Amino acid sequence: MSSSATFLLLTFSAVALIVVAKSDRTMPVEMEENELVSLLNSINKPAVTSFQTEHGDILDCIDINRQLAFDHPLLKNHTIQFAMAEYGHNNYGAKLNLSIWEPKVSPTQFSSASMLIAGGSKEQFQSIRAGWIVYQWLNRNHSRLYTYWTADGFTKTGCYNTLCPGFVQVSKRVPLGILLEPVSVYDGHQSEVGIVIYKDVVTGNWWLFVHDEMVGYWPNSLFTKSGLGHGAGLVSYGGEVYSPVNEKSPGMGSGHFPAEGYTKAAYVNGFEVVCNNDSIFSEPSFPVMMFANTPKCYRVMPGRGQLRVWFDSLFYGGPGGCV
């Protein structure tokens, strides 16, 4: 961890990681909140756009105050398990490759793999994330590209994909919610999706690239200086599952523990970060920390020594079954 920020990772809501940070503020929290509300009011216009992908999915943008994610009943009584790595140092973005899997989930569960970039204090927690998810409530079944963001610790802002104003879609070829195929096969062919998120030097916007395609961006005006407005303090990546408390949790990744290794367990490789505000990616200057909150069901381990997998890789996942 850097000397300027110490982070404690906690689960919060269906897709949330909250970072409790010690940060040097240039203005009081109350002033920043007023600034944030003003900026969000100017950018969160009622959305009227709907379009159909080549796979027949209808993707809509709706008003931020009407998004279903805020009042979905499943978010009230749920459990979240994760197995991931954390890089808790100042950065301006990161990139990696996620092996693509399609774990089975019930209509009230999800299983995902993603990269999250975050900054700010508990009161002003701000984050963006992207990866793949199997979640019927969001976009039917199958593994699909997804994003999530918040600018105030999930209090009033944030949503999946373009379910509220915020993320600006640019690519017509790779929309959020697109089906990711083919998926990896146990003890067979492995498929990956490359995720890149970085802060543009000129505009300050946070750009998302998928498979080298410029998908879109989160405007810098969404965030405050103590949050993602001037960079980030945390990158985390790996797997996460959600399940109501009365259901056994679904499989994560391939549904097998990481010790099984390449072609049998889910993996992440190619992790690099932007250490300076110059859009140049490089190997991380500090080691990452790995952890899983329910190791009897999901685990994570480094991939060093595994054949055909990059030295900077990790394996994660498990069969689930936790409540």
C-alpha atoms as a PDB file:
ATOM      1  CA  MET A   1       0.000   0.000   0.000  1.00  0.00           C
ATOM      2  CA  SER A   2       1.168   3.534  -0.722  1.00  0.00           C
ATOM      3  CA  SER A   3       1.951   5.959   2.088  1.00  0.00           C
ATOM      4  CA  SER A   4      -0.775   8.352   0.905  1.00  0.00           C
ATOM      5  CA  ALA A   5      -3.656   5.914   1.107  1.00  0.00           C
ATOM      6  CA  THR A   6      -4.575   2.809   3.068  1.00  0.00           C
ATOM      7  CA  PHE A   7      -7.440   0.783   1.722  1.00  0.00           C
ATOM      8  CA  LEU A   8      -9.807  -1.674   3.349  1.00  0.00           C
ATOM      9  CA  LEU A   9     -11.867  -3.700   0.875  1.00  0.00           C
ATOM     10  CA  LEU A  10     -15.427  -4.536   1.883  1.00  0.00           C
ATOM     11  CA  THR A  11     -18.465  -5.890   0.063  1.00  0.00           C
ATOM     12  CA  PHE A  12     -21.339  -3.450  -0.428  1.00  0.00           C
ATOM     13  CA  SER A  13     -24.539  -4.060  -2.470  1.00  0.00           C
ATOM     14  CA  ALA A  14     -24.651  -6.418  -5.415  1.00  0.00           C
ATOM     15  CA  VAL A  15     -21.543  -5.250  -7.218  1.00  0.00           C
ATOM     16  CA  ALA A  16     -19.834  -2.906  -4.806  1.00  0.00           C
ATOM     17  CA  LEU A  17     -16.411  -2.698  -3.263  1.00  0.00           C
ATOM     18  CA  ILE A  18     -15.991   0.137  -0.769  1.00  0.00           C
ATOM     19  CA  VAL A  19     -12.603   1.669  -0.193  1.00  0.00           C
ATOM     20  CA  VAL A  20     -11.996   3.388   3.121  1.00  0.00           C
ATOM     21  CA  ALA A  21      -9.142   5.764   2.429  1.00  0.00           C
ATOM     22  CA  LYS A  22      -7.119   8.440   4.142  1.00  0.00           C
ATOM     23  CA  SER A  23      -6.930  11.170   1.513  1.00  0.00           C
ATOM     24  CA  ASP A  24      -5.613  14.719   1.412  1.00  0.00           C
ATOM     25  CA  ARG A  25      -8.601  16.923   0.637  1.00  0.00           C
ATOM     26  CA  THR A  26      -8.375  20.272  -1.080  1.00  0.00           C
ATOM     27  CA  MET A  27     -11.957  21.208  -0.165  1.00  0.00           C
ATOM     28  CA  PRO A  28     -14.511  20.124   2.491  1.00  0.00           C
ATOM     29  CA  VAL A  29     -16.609  17.050   1.782  1.00  0.00           C
ATOM     30  CA  GLU A  30     -19.797  19.147   1.848  1.00  0.00           C
ATOM     31  CA  MET A  31     -18.483  21.443  -0.890  1.00  0.00           C
ATOM     32  CA  GLU A  32     -17.456  18.468  -3.007  1.00  0.00           C
ATOM     33  CA  GLU A  33     -20.903  16.912  -2.586  1.00  0.00           C
ATOM     34  CA  ASN A  34     -22.526  20.121  -3.803  1.00  0.00           C
ATOM     35  CA  GLU A  35     -20.127  20.203  -6.734  1.00  0.00           C
ATOM     36  CA  LEU A  36     -20.908  16.581  -7.553  1.00  0.00           C
ATOM     37  CA  VAL A  37     -24.676  17.139  -7.448  1.00  0.00           C
ATOM     38  CA  SER A  38     -24.305  20.117  -9.768  1.00  0.00           C
ATOM     39  CA  LEU A  39     -22.193  18.157 -12.217  1.00  0.00           C
ATOM     40  CA  LEU A  40     -24.540  15.183 -12.195  1.00  0.00           C
ATOM     41  CA  ASN A  41     -27.563  17.393 -12.765  1.00  0.00           C
ATOM     42  CA  SER A  42     -25.911  18.789 -15.869  1.00  0.00           C
ATOM     43  CA  ILE A  43     -24.941  15.409 -17.280  1.00  0.00           C
ATOM     44  CA  ASN A  44     -27.832  13.150 -16.241  1.00  0.00           C
ATOM     45  CA  LYS A  45     -30.390  14.119 -18.873  1.00  0.00           C
ATOM     46  CA  PRO A  46     -33.400  11.838 -19.432  1.00  0.00           C
ATOM     47  CA  ALA A  47     -32.291   9.167 -21.870  1.00  0.00           C
ATOM     48  CA  VAL A  48     -34.400   8.303 -24.914  1.00  0.00           C
ATOM     49  CA  THR A  49     -32.061   6.003 -26.840  1.00  0.00           C
ATOM     50  CA  SER A  50     -32.729   2.340 -27.516  1.00  0.00           C
ATOM     51  CA  PHE A  51     -30.944   0.153 -30.022  1.00  0.00           C
ATOM     52  CA  GLN A  52     -30.842  -3.488 -31.030  1.00  0.00           C
ATOM     53  CA  THR A  53     -27.640  -5.514 -31.207  1.00  0.00           C
ATOM     54  CA  GLU A  54     -26.857  -8.134 -33.830  1.00  0.00           C
ATOM     55  CA  HIS A  55     -27.875 -10.781 -31.274  1.00  0.00           C
ATOM     56  CA  GLY A  56     -31.348  -9.271 -30.915  1.00  0.00           C
ATOM     57  CA  ASP A  57     -30.853  -7.624 -27.522  1.00  0.00           C
ATOM     58  CA  ILE A  58     -32.582  -4.278 -26.947  1.00  0.00           C
ATOM     59  CA  LEU A  59     -30.333  -1.947 -24.924  1.00  0.00           C
ATOM     60  CA  ASP A  60     -32.042   1.025 -23.268  1.00  0.00           C
ATOM     61  CA  CYS A  61     -31.006   4.135 -21.371  1.00  0.00           C
ATOM     62  CA  ILE A  62     -33.417   5.295 -18.635  1.00  0.00           C
ATOM     63  CA  ASP A  63     -33.590   8.142 -16.153  1.00  0.00           C
ATOM     64  CA  ILE A  64     -31.173   7.721 -13.240  1.00  0.00           C
ATOM     65  CA  ASN A  65     -33.923   8.099 -10.626  1.00  0.00           C
ATOM     66  CA  ARG A  66     -35.965   5.292 -12.207  1.00  0.00           C
ATOM     67  CA  GLN A  67     -33.270   2.682 -12.660  1.00  0.00           C
ATOM     68  CA  LEU A  68     -34.282  -0.720 -11.317  1.00  0.00           C
ATOM     69  CA  ALA A  69     -30.939  -1.357  -9.632  1.00  0.00           C
ATOM     70  CA  PHE A  70     -31.794   0.998  -6.767  1.00  0.00           C
ATOM     71  CA  ASP A  71     -35.008  -0.720  -5.642  1.00  0.00           C
ATOM     72  CA  HIS A  72     -34.582  -4.280  -6.841  1.00  0.00           C
ATOM     73  CA  PRO A  73     -35.854  -6.522  -4.000  1.00  0.00           C
ATOM     74  CA  LEU A  74     -32.980  -8.971  -4.460  1.00  0.00           C
ATOM     75  CA  LEU A  75     -30.500  -6.388  -3.235  1.00  0.00           C
ATOM     76  CA  LYS A  76     -32.006  -6.332   0.259  1.00  0.00           C
ATOM     77  CA  ASN A  77     -31.228  -9.886   1.395  1.00  0.00           C
ATOM     78  CA  HIS A  78     -28.208 -11.222  -0.397  1.00  0.00           C
ATOM     79  CA  THR A  79     -24.721 -12.576   0.011  1.00  0.00           C
ATOM     80  CA  ILE A  80     -21.658 -11.767  -2.062  1.00  0.00           C
ATOM     81  CA  GLN A  81     -18.565 -13.925  -2.354  1.00  0.00           C
ATOM     82  CA  PHE A  82     -15.397 -12.980  -4.170  1.00  0.00           C
ATOM     83  CA  ALA A  83     -11.941 -14.264  -5.011  1.00  0.00           C
ATOM     84  CA  MET A  84      -9.680 -11.541  -6.339  1.00  0.00           C
ATOM     85  CA  ALA A  85      -6.453  -9.587  -6.336  1.00  0.00           C
ATOM     86  CA  GLU A  86      -5.915  -5.992  -5.243  1.00  0.00           C
ATOM     87  CA  TYR A  87      -3.349  -3.413  -6.294  1.00  0.00           C
ATOM     88  CA  GLY A  88      -3.678  -0.644  -3.701  1.00  0.00           C
ATOM     89  CA  HIS A  89      -1.484   2.096  -5.141  1.00  0.00           C
ATOM     90  CA  ASN A  90      -1.955   5.314  -7.067  1.00  0.00           C
ATOM     91  CA  ASN A  91      -2.725   4.722 -10.735  1.00  0.00           C
ATOM     92  CA  TYR A  92      -4.433   6.133 -13.803  1.00  0.00           C
ATOM     93  CA  GLY A  93      -5.822   2.906 -15.185  1.00  0.00           C
ATOM     94  CA  ALA A  94      -5.038  -0.720 -15.868  1.00  0.00           C
ATOM     95  CA  LYS A  95      -5.488  -3.514 -18.375  1.00  0.00           C
ATOM     96  CA  LEU A  96      -5.790  -7.293 -18.273  1.00  0.00           C
ATOM     97  CA  ASN A  97      -7.322 -10.343 -19.911  1.00  0.00           C
ATOM     98  CA  LEU A  98     -10.181 -12.306 -18.375  1.00  0.00           C
ATOM     99  CA  SER A  99     -10.868 -15.873 -19.430  1.00  0.00           C
ATOM    100  CA  ILE A 100     -14.534 -16.095 -20.425  1.00  0.00           C
ATOM    101  CA  TRP A 101     -16.808 -18.651 -18.802  1.00  0.00           C
ATOM    102  CA  GLU A 102     -20.542 -19.169 -18.582  1.00  0.00           C
ATOM    103  CA  PRO A 103     -21.406 -20.497 -15.104  1.00  0.00           C
ATOM    104  CA  LYS A 104     -24.968 -21.584 -14.461  1.00  0.00           C
ATOM    105  CA  VAL A 105     -27.023 -19.227 -12.310  1.00  0.00           C
ATOM    106  CA  SER A 106     -30.627 -19.088 -11.170  1.00  0.00           C
ATOM    107  CA  PRO A 107     -32.856 -16.138 -12.130  1.00  0.00           C
ATOM    108  CA  THR A 108     -31.975 -14.513  -8.790  1.00  0.00           C
ATOM    109  CA  GLN A 109     -28.183 -14.909  -8.948  1.00  0.00           C
ATOM    110  CA  PHE A 110     -25.209 -13.615 -10.883  1.00  0.00           C
ATOM    111  CA  SER A 111     -21.630 -14.726 -11.467  1.00  0.00           C
ATOM    112  CA  SER A 112     -19.043 -12.359 -12.895  1.00  0.00           C
ATOM    113  CA  ALA A 113     -15.393 -11.534 -13.517  1.00  0.00           C
ATOM    114  CA  SER A 114     -14.247  -7.947 -13.775  1.00  0.00           C
ATOM    115  CA  MET A 115     -11.696  -5.238 -13.106  1.00  0.00           C
ATOM    116  CA  LEU A 116     -12.586  -2.383 -10.761  1.00  0.00           C
ATOM    117  CA  ILE A 117     -10.774   0.966 -10.507  1.00  0.00           C
ATOM    118  CA  ALA A 118     -11.632   3.106  -7.505  1.00  0.00           C
ATOM    119  CA  GLY A 119     -10.698   6.070  -5.350  1.00  0.00           C
ATOM    120  CA  GLY A 120     -12.017   8.338  -2.633  1.00  0.00           C
ATOM    121  CA  SER A 121     -13.121   7.961   0.969  1.00  0.00           C
ATOM    122  CA  LYS A 122     -16.031   5.915   2.280  1.00  0.00           C
ATOM    123  CA  GLU A 123     -18.315   8.937   1.993  1.00  0.00           C
ATOM    124  CA  GLN A 124     -17.058   9.802  -1.486  1.00  0.00           C
ATOM    125  CA  PHE A 125     -16.275   6.339  -2.823  1.00  0.00           C
ATOM    126  CA  GLN A 126     -16.060   6.440  -6.623  1.00  0.00           C
ATOM    127  CA  SER A 127     -15.499   3.457  -8.876  1.00  0.00           C
ATOM    128  CA  ILE A 128     -15.790   2.108 -12.400  1.00  0.00           C
ATOM    129  CA  ARG A 129     -15.629  -1.516 -13.455  1.00  0.00           C
ATOM    130  CA  ALA A 130     -15.906  -3.686 -16.541  1.00  0.00           C
ATOM    131  CA  GLY A 131     -15.868  -7.387 -17.330  1.00  0.00           C
ATOM    132  CA  TRP A 132     -18.271 -10.217 -18.071  1.00  0.00           C
ATOM    133  CA  ILE A 133     -21.365 -11.269 -16.170  1.00  0.00           C
ATOM    134  CA  VAL A 134     -24.053 -13.956 -16.297  1.00  0.00           C
ATOM    135  CA  TYR A 135     -27.146 -12.272 -14.849  1.00  0.00           C
ATOM    136  CA  GLN A 136     -30.673 -12.904 -16.121  1.00  0.00           C
ATOM    137  CA  TRP A 137     -32.113  -9.765 -14.556  1.00  0.00           C
ATOM    138  CA  LEU A 138     -29.651  -7.566 -16.435  1.00  0.00           C
ATOM    139  CA  ASN A 139     -29.527  -9.136 -19.895  1.00  0.00           C
ATOM    140  CA  ARG A 140     -30.877 -12.679 -20.091  1.00  0.00           C
ATOM    141  CA  ASN A 141     -28.467 -15.559 -19.667  1.00  0.00           C
ATOM    142  CA  HIS A 142     -25.041 -16.201 -21.183  1.00  0.00           C
ATOM    143  CA  SER A 143     -21.799 -14.349 -20.550  1.00  0.00           C
ATOM    144  CA  ARG A 144     -22.017 -10.701 -21.591  1.00  0.00           C
ATOM    145  CA  LEU A 145     -19.942  -7.534 -21.404  1.00  0.00           C
ATOM    146  CA  TYR A 146     -20.958  -5.256 -18.547  1.00  0.00           C
ATOM    147  CA  THR A 147     -19.919  -2.135 -16.653  1.00  0.00           C
ATOM    148  CA  TYR A 148     -20.890  -0.503 -13.385  1.00  0.00           C
ATOM    149  CA  TRP A 149     -20.043   2.885 -11.874  1.00  0.00           C
ATOM    150  CA  THR A 150     -20.790   5.099  -8.878  1.00  0.00           C
ATOM    151  CA  ALA A 151     -19.704   8.578  -7.855  1.00  0.00           C
ATOM    152  CA  ASP A 152     -20.995   8.657  -4.274  1.00  0.00           C
ATOM    153  CA  GLY A 153     -20.677   5.223  -2.705  1.00  0.00           C
ATOM    154  CA  PHE A 154     -23.872   3.950  -4.394  1.00  0.00           C
ATOM    155  CA  THR A 155     -26.050   6.454  -2.550  1.00  0.00           C
ATOM    156  CA  LYS A 156     -27.645   8.308  -5.474  1.00  0.00           C
ATOM    157  CA  THR A 157     -25.506   7.614  -8.503  1.00  0.00           C
ATOM    158  CA  GLY A 158     -24.410   4.636 -10.526  1.00  0.00           C
ATOM    159  CA  CYS A 159     -25.837   1.761 -12.523  1.00  0.00           C
ATOM    160  CA  TYR A 160     -25.089  -1.136 -14.817  1.00  0.00           C
ATOM    161  CA  ASN A 161     -24.143  -0.438 -18.423  1.00  0.00           C
ATOM    162  CA  THR A 162     -26.304   2.396 -19.795  1.00  0.00           C
ATOM    163  CA  LEU A 163     -29.305   1.881 -17.508  1.00  0.00           C
ATOM    164  CA  CYS A 164     -28.767   5.476 -16.414  1.00  0.00           C
ATOM    165  CA  PRO A 165     -26.940   8.466 -17.906  1.00  0.00           C
ATOM    166  CA  GLY A 166     -23.217   8.434 -17.203  1.00  0.00           C
ATOM    167  CA  PHE A 167     -21.292   6.074 -19.450  1.00  0.00           C
ATOM    168  CA  VAL A 168     -21.028   7.405 -22.997  1.00  0.00           C
ATOM    169  CA  GLN A 169     -21.223   4.653 -25.616  1.00  0.00           C
ATOM    170  CA  VAL A 170     -19.036   5.360 -28.656  1.00  0.00           C
ATOM    171  CA  SER A 171     -18.574   2.037 -30.416  1.00  0.00           C
ATOM    172  CA  LYS A 172     -21.323   0.767 -32.704  1.00  0.00           C
ATOM    173  CA  ARG A 173     -19.603  -2.593 -33.002  1.00  0.00           C
ATOM    174  CA  VAL A 174     -19.200  -3.446 -29.297  1.00  0.00           C
ATOM    175  CA  PRO A 175     -22.188  -2.237 -27.235  1.00  0.00           C
ATOM    176  CA  LEU A 176     -22.396  -2.867 -23.512  1.00  0.00           C
ATOM    177  CA  GLY A 177     -24.323  -6.056 -22.943  1.00  0.00           C
ATOM    178  CA  ILE A 178     -22.956  -7.747 -26.049  1.00  0.00           C
ATOM    179  CA  LEU A 179     -22.731 -11.534 -26.002  1.00  0.00           C
ATOM    180  CA  LEU A 180     -19.158 -12.707 -25.429  1.00  0.00           C
ATOM    181  CA  GLU A 181     -18.428 -15.829 -27.412  1.00  0.00           C
ATOM    182  CA  PRO A 182     -17.046 -18.364 -27.687  1.00  0.00           C
ATOM    183  CA  VAL A 183     -16.673 -19.173 -24.010  1.00  0.00           C
ATOM    184  CA  SER A 184     -13.907 -21.309 -22.542  1.00  0.00           C
ATOM    185  CA  VAL A 185     -14.284 -25.079 -22.458  1.00  0.00           C
ATOM    186  CA  TYR A 186     -13.213 -27.121 -19.453  1.00  0.00           C
ATOM    187  CA  ASP A 187      -9.983 -28.945 -20.364  1.00  0.00           C
ATOM    188  CA  GLY A 188     -10.295 -27.477 -23.864  1.00  0.00           C
ATOM    189  CA  HIS A 189     -10.087 -24.227 -25.804  1.00  0.00           C
ATOM    190  CA  GLN A 190      -9.726 -21.074 -23.683  1.00  0.00           C
ATOM    191  CA  SER A 191     -11.273 -17.744 -24.691  1.00  0.00           C
ATOM    192  CA  GLU A 192     -10.338 -14.327 -23.280  1.00  0.00           C
ATOM    193  CA  VAL A 193     -11.669 -10.798 -23.303  1.00  0.00           C
ATOM    194  CA  GLY A 194      -9.177  -7.947 -23.059  1.00  0.00           C
ATOM    195  CA  ILE A 195     -10.261  -5.077 -20.782  1.00  0.00           C
ATOM    196  CA  VAL A 196      -8.506  -1.694 -20.744  1.00  0.00           C
ATOM    197  CA  ILE A 197      -9.547   1.273 -18.598  1.00  0.00           C
ATOM    198  CA  TYR A 198      -7.408   4.393 -18.431  1.00  0.00           C
ATOM    199  CA  LYS A 199      -7.675   8.106 -17.740  1.00  0.00           C
ATOM    200  CA  ASP A 200      -7.151  10.277 -20.812  1.00  0.00           C
ATOM    201  CA  VAL A 201      -4.353  12.795 -20.318  1.00  0.00           C
ATOM    202  CA  VAL A 202      -6.108  15.622 -22.172  1.00  0.00           C
ATOM    203  CA  THR A 203      -9.805  15.302 -21.278  1.00  0.00           C
ATOM    204  CA  GLY A 204      -9.516  13.413 -17.988  1.00  0.00           C
ATOM    205  CA  ASN A 205     -12.250  11.025 -19.144  1.00  0.00           C
ATOM    206  CA  TRP A 206     -11.976   7.356 -18.188  1.00  0.00           C
ATOM    207  CA  TRP A 207     -11.932   5.300 -21.398  1.00  0.00           C
ATOM    208  CA  LEU A 208     -12.974   1.673 -21.804  1.00  0.00           C
ATOM    209  CA  PHE A 209     -11.435  -0.513 -24.509  1.00  0.00           C
ATOM    210  CA  VAL A 210     -12.547  -4.094 -25.147  1.00  0.00           C
ATOM    211  CA  HIS A 211     -10.594  -6.273 -27.587  1.00  0.00           C
ATOM    212  CA  ASP A 212      -8.764  -3.075 -28.661  1.00  0.00           C
ATOM    213  CA  GLU A 213     -12.130  -1.493 -29.556  1.00  0.00           C
ATOM    214  CA  MET A 214     -12.836   1.986 -28.149  1.00  0.00           C
ATOM    215  CA  VAL A 215     -16.173   1.201 -26.492  1.00  0.00           C
ATOM    216  CA  GLY A 216     -16.865   4.451 -24.657  1.00  0.00           C
ATOM    217  CA  TYR A 217     -16.006   6.517 -21.593  1.00  0.00           C
ATOM    218  CA  TRP A 218     -17.072   7.786 -18.202  1.00  0.00           C
ATOM    219  CA  PRO A 219     -16.843  11.618 -18.328  1.00  0.00           C
ATOM    220  CA  ASN A 220     -14.424  13.114 -15.845  1.00  0.00           C
ATOM    221  CA  SER A 221     -17.195  15.533 -14.804  1.00  0.00           C
ATOM    222  CA  LEU A 222     -18.935  12.609 -13.072  1.00  0.00           C
ATOM    223  CA  PHE A 223     -16.220  12.507 -10.434  1.00  0.00           C
ATOM    224  CA  THR A 224     -14.658  14.783  -7.818  1.00  0.00           C
ATOM    225  CA  LYS A 225     -11.025  15.636  -7.209  1.00  0.00           C
ATOM    226  CA  SER A 226     -10.843  13.479  -4.094  1.00  0.00           C
ATOM    227  CA  GLY A 227     -12.268  10.523  -6.014  1.00  0.00           C
ATOM    228  CA  LEU A 228     -11.535   9.540  -9.607  1.00  0.00           C
ATOM    229  CA  GLY A 229     -11.213  13.111 -10.815  1.00  0.00           C
ATOM    230  CA  HIS A 230      -7.424  13.080 -10.311  1.00  0.00           C
ATOM    231  CA  GLY A 231      -6.687   9.389 -10.698  1.00  0.00           C
ATOM    232  CA  ALA A 232      -7.312   6.254  -8.658  1.00  0.00           C
ATOM    233  CA  GLY A 233      -5.881   4.524  -5.611  1.00  0.00           C
ATOM    234  CA  LEU A 234      -7.063   0.964  -6.144  1.00  0.00           C
ATOM    235  CA  VAL A 235      -7.371  -1.692  -8.839  1.00  0.00           C
ATOM    236  CA  SER A 236      -9.034  -5.001  -8.004  1.00  0.00           C
ATOM    237  CA  TYR A 237      -9.808  -7.899 -10.320  1.00  0.00           C
ATOM    238  CA  GLY A 238     -11.103 -11.446 -10.213  1.00  0.00           C
ATOM    239  CA  GLY A 239     -14.437 -13.169  -9.668  1.00  0.00           C
ATOM    240  CA  GLU A 240     -17.571 -12.252  -7.763  1.00  0.00           C
ATOM    241  CA  VAL A 241     -20.911 -14.012  -7.248  1.00  0.00           C
ATOM    242  CA  TYR A 242     -24.213 -12.920  -5.792  1.00  0.00           C
ATOM    243  CA  SER A 243     -27.027 -15.002  -4.350  1.00  0.00           C
ATOM    244  CA  PRO A 244     -30.037 -14.436  -2.074  1.00  0.00           C
ATOM    245  CA  VAL A 245     -29.476 -15.679   1.454  1.00  0.00           C
ATOM    246  CA  ASN A 246     -31.895 -18.574   0.981  1.00  0.00           C
ATOM    247  CA  GLU A 247     -30.054 -20.001  -2.059  1.00  0.00           C
ATOM    248  CA  LYS A 248     -26.745 -21.767  -2.377  1.00  0.00           C
ATOM    249  CA  SER A 249     -24.264 -19.585  -4.233  1.00  0.00           C
ATOM    250  CA  PRO A 250     -23.492 -20.340  -7.899  1.00  0.00           C
ATOM    251  CA  GLY A 251     -20.207 -21.400  -9.417  1.00  0.00           C
ATOM    252  CA  MET A 252     -17.521 -18.796 -10.022  1.00  0.00           C
ATOM    253  CA  GLY A 253     -15.426 -18.802 -13.196  1.00  0.00           C
ATOM    254  CA  SER A 254     -15.209 -22.354 -14.524  1.00  0.00           C
ATOM    255  CA  GLY A 255     -16.819 -23.716 -11.384  1.00  0.00           C
ATOM    256  CA  HIS A 256     -13.538 -25.394 -10.402  1.00  0.00           C
ATOM    257  CA  PHE A 257     -10.904 -24.448  -7.843  1.00  0.00           C
ATOM    258  CA  PRO A 258      -7.775 -22.615  -9.076  1.00  0.00           C
ATOM    259  CA  ALA A 259      -5.432 -25.458  -8.154  1.00  0.00           C
ATOM    260  CA  GLU A 260      -6.633 -27.336 -11.245  1.00  0.00           C
ATOM    261  CA  GLY A 261      -4.744 -24.803 -13.342  1.00  0.00           C
ATOM    262  CA  TYR A 262      -4.827 -23.819 -16.972  1.00  0.00           C
ATOM    263  CA  THR A 263      -7.765 -25.000 -19.155  1.00  0.00           C
ATOM    264  CA  LYS A 264      -9.664 -26.071 -16.037  1.00  0.00           C
ATOM    265  CA  ALA A 265      -9.775 -22.988 -13.812  1.00  0.00           C
ATOM    266  CA  ALA A 266     -10.664 -19.387 -14.646  1.00  0.00           C
ATOM    267  CA  TYR A 267      -7.721 -17.022 -14.925  1.00  0.00           C
ATOM    268  CA  VAL A 268      -6.652 -13.411 -15.308  1.00  0.00           C
ATOM    269  CA  ASN A 269      -3.413 -12.480 -17.065  1.00  0.00           C
ATOM    270  CA  GLY A 270      -1.603  -9.564 -18.663  1.00  0.00           C
ATOM    271  CA  PHE A 271      -2.186  -7.215 -15.726  1.00  0.00           C
ATOM    272  CA  GLU A 272      -0.470  -3.839 -16.207  1.00  0.00           C
ATOM    273  CA  VAL A 273      -1.108  -0.399 -14.735  1.00  0.00           C
ATOM    274  CA  VAL A 274      -0.653   3.242 -15.703  1.00  0.00           C
ATOM    275  CA  CYS A 275       1.520   4.555 -12.877  1.00  0.00           C
ATOM    276  CA  ASN A 276       1.796   8.129 -14.163  1.00  0.00           C
ATOM    277  CA  ASN A 277      -0.700  10.333 -15.930  1.00  0.00           C
ATOM    278  CA  ASP A 278       0.795   9.519 -19.334  1.00  0.00           C
ATOM    279  CA  SER A 279      -1.362   6.617 -20.637  1.00  0.00           C
ATOM    280  CA  ILE A 280       1.687   4.322 -20.642  1.00  0.00           C
ATOM    281  CA  PHE A 281       1.064   0.823 -19.297  1.00  0.00           C
ATOM    282  CA  SER A 282       3.763  -1.076 -17.427  1.00  0.00           C
ATOM    283  CA  GLU A 283       4.173  -3.940 -14.980  1.00  0.00           C
ATOM    284  CA  PRO A 284       3.008  -2.958 -11.480  1.00  0.00           C
ATOM    285  CA  SER A 285       5.688  -1.506  -9.242  1.00  0.00           C
ATOM    286  CA  PHE A 286       4.316  -3.277  -6.179  1.00  0.00           C
ATOM    287  CA  PRO A 287       2.949  -6.787  -5.640  1.00  0.00           C
ATOM    288  CA  VAL A 288      -0.779  -7.468  -5.601  1.00  0.00           C
ATOM    289  CA  MET A 289      -2.646  -8.935  -2.638  1.00  0.00           C
ATOM    290  CA  MET A 290      -4.932 -11.930  -3.187  1.00  0.00           C
ATOM    291  CA  PHE A 291      -7.857 -12.954  -1.019  1.00  0.00           C
ATOM    292  CA  ALA A 292     -11.174 -14.821  -1.010  1.00  0.00           C
ATOM    293  CA  ASN A 293     -13.878 -14.237   1.592  1.00  0.00           C
ATOM    294  CA  THR A 294     -15.321 -17.789   1.446  1.00  0.00           C
ATOM    295  CA  PRO A 295     -12.383 -20.106   0.673  1.00  0.00           C
ATOM    296  CA  LYS A 296     -14.430 -23.258   1.206  1.00  0.00           C
ATOM    297  CA  CYS A 297     -16.372 -22.346  -1.943  1.00  0.00           C
ATOM    298  CA  TYR A 298     -14.027 -20.031  -3.901  1.00  0.00           C
ATOM    299  CA  ARG A 299     -10.269 -19.513  -3.928  1.00  0.00           C
ATOM    300  CA  VAL A 300      -7.551 -17.533  -5.675  1.00  0.00           C
ATOM    301  CA  MET A 301      -3.880 -18.277  -6.269  1.00  0.00           C
ATOM    302  CA  PRO A 302      -0.979 -16.961  -8.374  1.00  0.00           C
ATOM    303  CA  GLY A 303      -0.378 -18.577 -11.745  1.00  0.00           C
ATOM    304  CA  ARG A 304       3.405 -18.702 -11.570  1.00  0.00           C
ATOM    305  CA  GLY A 305       4.804 -22.050 -12.623  1.00  0.00           C
ATOM    306  CA  GLN A 306       1.774 -22.902 -14.746  1.00  0.00           C
ATOM    307  CA  LEU A 307       2.487 -23.781 -18.362  1.00  0.00           C
ATOM    308  CA  ARG A 308       1.121 -21.598 -21.181  1.00  0.00           C
ATOM    309  CA  VAL A 309       0.014 -18.829 -18.798  1.00  0.00           C
ATOM    310  CA  TRP A 310       1.788 -15.482 -18.365  1.00  0.00           C
ATOM    311  CA  PHE A 311       3.936 -14.996 -15.279  1.00  0.00           C
ATOM    312  CA  ASP A 312       1.636 -12.240 -14.026  1.00  0.00           C
ATOM    313  CA  SER A 313      -1.475 -14.406 -14.038  1.00  0.00           C
ATOM    314  CA  LEU A 314      -3.775 -15.672 -11.313  1.00  0.00           C
ATOM    315  CA  PHE A 315      -6.349 -18.438 -11.110  1.00  0.00           C
ATOM    316  CA  TYR A 316      -9.613 -18.086  -9.226  1.00  0.00           C
ATOM    317  CA  GLY A 317     -13.052 -19.613  -8.788  1.00  0.00           C
ATOM    318  CA  GLY A 318     -14.846 -22.569  -7.304  1.00  0.00           C
ATOM    319  CA  PRO A 319     -18.010 -24.661  -7.360  1.00  0.00           C
ATOM    320  CA  GLY A 320     -20.035 -22.489  -4.995  1.00  0.00           C
ATOM    321  CA  GLY A 321     -22.638 -23.952  -2.696  1.00  0.00           C
ATOM    322  CA  CYS A 322     -22.191 -21.381   0.081  1.00  0.00           C
ATOM    323  CA  VAL A 323     -25.112 -19.687   1.813  1.00  0.00           C
END
